[in-house]
């Protein structure tokens, strides 16, 4: 499915969706994006930080935090005043500066909803 996001991102003048990859020593070790909705019930807020992934061998070394903060700052640079995230990784997203603001529902279950604001 993300292949289609990448494909259409290259063909649009819209600022989102936008995707980033984290490369270390010429190897892709992570990715994440900003999208309009992360397949959940809260369609009233956007953009969503989505598809945050760090290769297992590189986890717990600060790469995920750096990548999330970089993508959030990119969202702010694009003019968004808030960035949202739907996840069950409460501690991780709070450590990145997000605040828990409620719940959201995906077809496969419930998640916490987080928000981070431009400073």
C-alpha atoms as a PDB file:
ATOM      1  CA  UNK A   1       0.000   0.000   0.000  1.00  0.00           C
ATOM      2  CA  UNK A   2       2.800   2.449   0.797  1.00  0.00           C
ATOM      3  CA  UNK A   3       4.148   1.920  -2.697  1.00  0.00           C
ATOM      4  CA  UNK A   4       1.054   3.749  -3.947  1.00  0.00           C
ATOM      5  CA  UNK A   5       1.610   6.563  -1.450  1.00  0.00           C
ATOM      6  CA  UNK A   6       5.137   7.039  -2.805  1.00  0.00           C
ATOM      7  CA  UNK A   7       3.911   6.857  -6.393  1.00  0.00           C
ATOM      8  CA  UNK A   8       1.183   9.474  -5.956  1.00  0.00           C
ATOM      9  CA  UNK A   9       3.331  11.673  -3.749  1.00  0.00           C
ATOM     10  CA  UNK A  10       5.676  12.126  -6.695  1.00  0.00           C
ATOM     11  CA  UNK A  11       2.743  13.254  -8.873  1.00  0.00           C
ATOM     12  CA  UNK A  12       1.073  15.795  -6.585  1.00  0.00           C
ATOM     13  CA  UNK A  13       1.658  19.438  -5.823  1.00  0.00           C
ATOM     14  CA  UNK A  14       0.226  18.926  -2.317  1.00  0.00           C
ATOM     15  CA  UNK A  15       2.654  19.096   0.582  1.00  0.00           C
ATOM     16  CA  UNK A  16       1.392  15.796   2.001  1.00  0.00           C
ATOM     17  CA  UNK A  17       1.738  12.909   1.740  1.00  0.00           C
ATOM     18  CA  UNK A  18       5.451  13.211   2.229  1.00  0.00           C
ATOM     19  CA  UNK A  19       7.870  10.459   3.191  1.00  0.00           C
ATOM     20  CA  UNK A  20      11.376  10.272   4.541  1.00  0.00           C
ATOM     21  CA  UNK A  21      13.905   7.503   4.821  1.00  0.00           C
ATOM     22  CA  UNK A  22      16.772   7.283   7.272  1.00  0.00           C
ATOM     23  CA  UNK A  23      20.011   6.114   5.684  1.00  0.00           C
ATOM     24  CA  UNK A  24      23.106   5.044   7.608  1.00  0.00           C
ATOM     25  CA  UNK A  25      26.242   3.897   5.796  1.00  0.00           C
ATOM     26  CA  UNK A  26      24.292   3.607   2.533  1.00  0.00           C
ATOM     27  CA  UNK A  27      21.667   1.332   4.145  1.00  0.00           C
ATOM     28  CA  UNK A  28      18.043   2.314   4.715  1.00  0.00           C
ATOM     29  CA  UNK A  29      17.428   1.753   8.420  1.00  0.00           C
ATOM     30  CA  UNK A  30      14.136   3.591   8.880  1.00  0.00           C
ATOM     31  CA  UNK A  31      11.242   5.494   7.396  1.00  0.00           C
ATOM     32  CA  UNK A  32       8.212   7.563   8.295  1.00  0.00           C
ATOM     33  CA  UNK A  33       5.777   9.900   6.656  1.00  0.00           C
ATOM     34  CA  UNK A  34       3.196  12.612   7.063  1.00  0.00           C
ATOM     35  CA  UNK A  35      -0.206  11.702   5.668  1.00  0.00           C
ATOM     36  CA  UNK A  36      -3.747  13.083   5.758  1.00  0.00           C
ATOM     37  CA  UNK A  37      -5.245  10.224   7.796  1.00  0.00           C
ATOM     38  CA  UNK A  38      -3.736   7.135   9.387  1.00  0.00           C
ATOM     39  CA  UNK A  39      -6.758   4.910   8.651  1.00  0.00           C
ATOM     40  CA  UNK A  40      -8.552   5.961  11.818  1.00  0.00           C
ATOM     41  CA  UNK A  41     -11.743   7.592  13.046  1.00  0.00           C
ATOM     42  CA  UNK A  42     -10.253  11.067  13.697  1.00  0.00           C
ATOM     43  CA  UNK A  43     -10.486  12.569  10.244  1.00  0.00           C
ATOM     44  CA  UNK A  44     -10.856  16.054  11.730  1.00  0.00           C
ATOM     45  CA  UNK A  45      -7.132  16.434  12.443  1.00  0.00           C
ATOM     46  CA  UNK A  46      -4.016  16.118  10.274  1.00  0.00           C
ATOM     47  CA  UNK A  47      -1.269  15.551   9.288  1.00  0.00           C
ATOM     48  CA  UNK A  48      -0.530  12.220  10.885  1.00  0.00           C
ATOM     49  CA  UNK A  49       2.924  10.845  11.484  1.00  0.00           C
ATOM     50  CA  UNK A  50       2.697   7.381   9.946  1.00  0.00           C
ATOM     51  CA  UNK A  51       4.605   4.216   9.177  1.00  0.00           C
ATOM     52  CA  UNK A  52       7.370   4.948  11.670  1.00  0.00           C
ATOM     53  CA  UNK A  53       9.812   2.067  11.352  1.00  0.00           C
ATOM     54  CA  UNK A  54      13.390   1.485  12.435  1.00  0.00           C
ATOM     55  CA  UNK A  55      15.248  -1.679  11.450  1.00  0.00           C
ATOM     56  CA  UNK A  56      15.390  -3.941  14.506  1.00  0.00           C
ATOM     57  CA  UNK A  57      19.200  -3.911  14.574  1.00  0.00           C
ATOM     58  CA  UNK A  58      19.167  -0.108  15.032  1.00  0.00           C
ATOM     59  CA  UNK A  59      16.432   0.284  17.654  1.00  0.00           C
ATOM     60  CA  UNK A  60      17.079   1.820  21.097  1.00  0.00           C
ATOM     61  CA  UNK A  61      19.945   3.928  19.754  1.00  0.00           C
ATOM     62  CA  UNK A  62      18.079   7.215  19.308  1.00  0.00           C
ATOM     63  CA  UNK A  63      17.458   6.866  15.562  1.00  0.00           C
ATOM     64  CA  UNK A  64      13.674   6.621  15.951  1.00  0.00           C
ATOM     65  CA  UNK A  65      13.501   9.694  18.154  1.00  0.00           C
ATOM     66  CA  UNK A  66      15.689  11.663  15.762  1.00  0.00           C
ATOM     67  CA  UNK A  67      13.635  10.569  12.741  1.00  0.00           C
ATOM     68  CA  UNK A  68      10.288  11.402  14.396  1.00  0.00           C
ATOM     69  CA  UNK A  69      11.481  14.831  15.540  1.00  0.00           C
ATOM     70  CA  UNK A  70      12.911  15.551  12.087  1.00  0.00           C
ATOM     71  CA  UNK A  71       9.640  14.644  10.350  1.00  0.00           C
ATOM     72  CA  UNK A  72       7.605  16.655  12.876  1.00  0.00           C
ATOM     73  CA  UNK A  73       9.827  19.686  12.260  1.00  0.00           C
ATOM     74  CA  UNK A  74       9.361  19.140   8.527  1.00  0.00           C
ATOM     75  CA  UNK A  75       5.601  19.287   9.107  1.00  0.00           C
ATOM     76  CA  UNK A  76       6.010  22.564  10.992  1.00  0.00           C
ATOM     77  CA  UNK A  77       8.188  23.922   8.157  1.00  0.00           C
ATOM     78  CA  UNK A  78       5.383  23.038   5.735  1.00  0.00           C
ATOM     79  CA  UNK A  79       3.104  25.314   7.756  1.00  0.00           C
ATOM     80  CA  UNK A  80       1.254  22.865   9.983  1.00  0.00           C
ATOM     81  CA  UNK A  81       0.771  24.039  13.577  1.00  0.00           C
ATOM     82  CA  UNK A  82       0.214  20.510  14.941  1.00  0.00           C
ATOM     83  CA  UNK A  83       1.217  16.984  13.976  1.00  0.00           C
ATOM     84  CA  UNK A  84      -0.765  13.971  15.185  1.00  0.00           C
ATOM     85  CA  UNK A  85       0.010  10.335  15.786  1.00  0.00           C
ATOM     86  CA  UNK A  86      -2.190   7.317  16.500  1.00  0.00           C
ATOM     87  CA  UNK A  87      -0.263   4.618  18.337  1.00  0.00           C
ATOM     88  CA  UNK A  88      -0.057   2.398  21.382  1.00  0.00           C
ATOM     89  CA  UNK A  89       3.570   3.437  22.027  1.00  0.00           C
ATOM     90  CA  UNK A  90       2.591   5.916  24.736  1.00  0.00           C
ATOM     91  CA  UNK A  91       6.015   6.315  26.387  1.00  0.00           C
ATOM     92  CA  UNK A  92       7.923   6.662  23.116  1.00  0.00           C
ATOM     93  CA  UNK A  93       5.736   9.403  21.644  1.00  0.00           C
ATOM     94  CA  UNK A  94       5.601  11.310  24.923  1.00  0.00           C
ATOM     95  CA  UNK A  95       9.430  11.195  24.989  1.00  0.00           C
ATOM     96  CA  UNK A  96       9.366  12.825  21.530  1.00  0.00           C
ATOM     97  CA  UNK A  97       7.242  15.703  22.844  1.00  0.00           C
ATOM     98  CA  UNK A  98       3.756  14.481  21.934  1.00  0.00           C
ATOM     99  CA  UNK A  99       0.828  14.903  24.355  1.00  0.00           C
ATOM    100  CA  UNK A 100      -1.893  12.286  24.769  1.00  0.00           C
ATOM    101  CA  UNK A 101      -5.198  13.882  23.700  1.00  0.00           C
ATOM    102  CA  UNK A 102      -7.589  10.942  23.465  1.00  0.00           C
ATOM    103  CA  UNK A 103      -8.441   7.762  21.625  1.00  0.00           C
ATOM    104  CA  UNK A 104      -8.972   6.913  17.997  1.00  0.00           C
ATOM    105  CA  UNK A 105     -10.304   3.797  16.323  1.00  0.00           C
ATOM    106  CA  UNK A 106      -8.900   1.801  13.437  1.00  0.00           C
ATOM    107  CA  UNK A 107     -10.705  -1.053  11.699  1.00  0.00           C
ATOM    108  CA  UNK A 108      -8.461  -3.372  13.732  1.00  0.00           C
ATOM    109  CA  UNK A 109      -8.906  -1.740  17.144  1.00  0.00           C
ATOM    110  CA  UNK A 110      -8.282   1.216  19.412  1.00  0.00           C
ATOM    111  CA  UNK A 111      -5.196   3.427  19.666  1.00  0.00           C
ATOM    112  CA  UNK A 112      -4.133   6.419  21.678  1.00  0.00           C
ATOM    113  CA  UNK A 113      -4.149   9.764  19.884  1.00  0.00           C
ATOM    114  CA  UNK A 114      -1.227  12.129  20.365  1.00  0.00           C
ATOM    115  CA  UNK A 115      -0.567  15.715  19.320  1.00  0.00           C
ATOM    116  CA  UNK A 116       2.550  17.846  19.184  1.00  0.00           C
ATOM    117  CA  UNK A 117       2.405  21.588  18.568  1.00  0.00           C
ATOM    118  CA  UNK A 118       4.833  23.976  16.922  1.00  0.00           C
ATOM    119  CA  UNK A 119       6.707  26.025  19.508  1.00  0.00           C
END
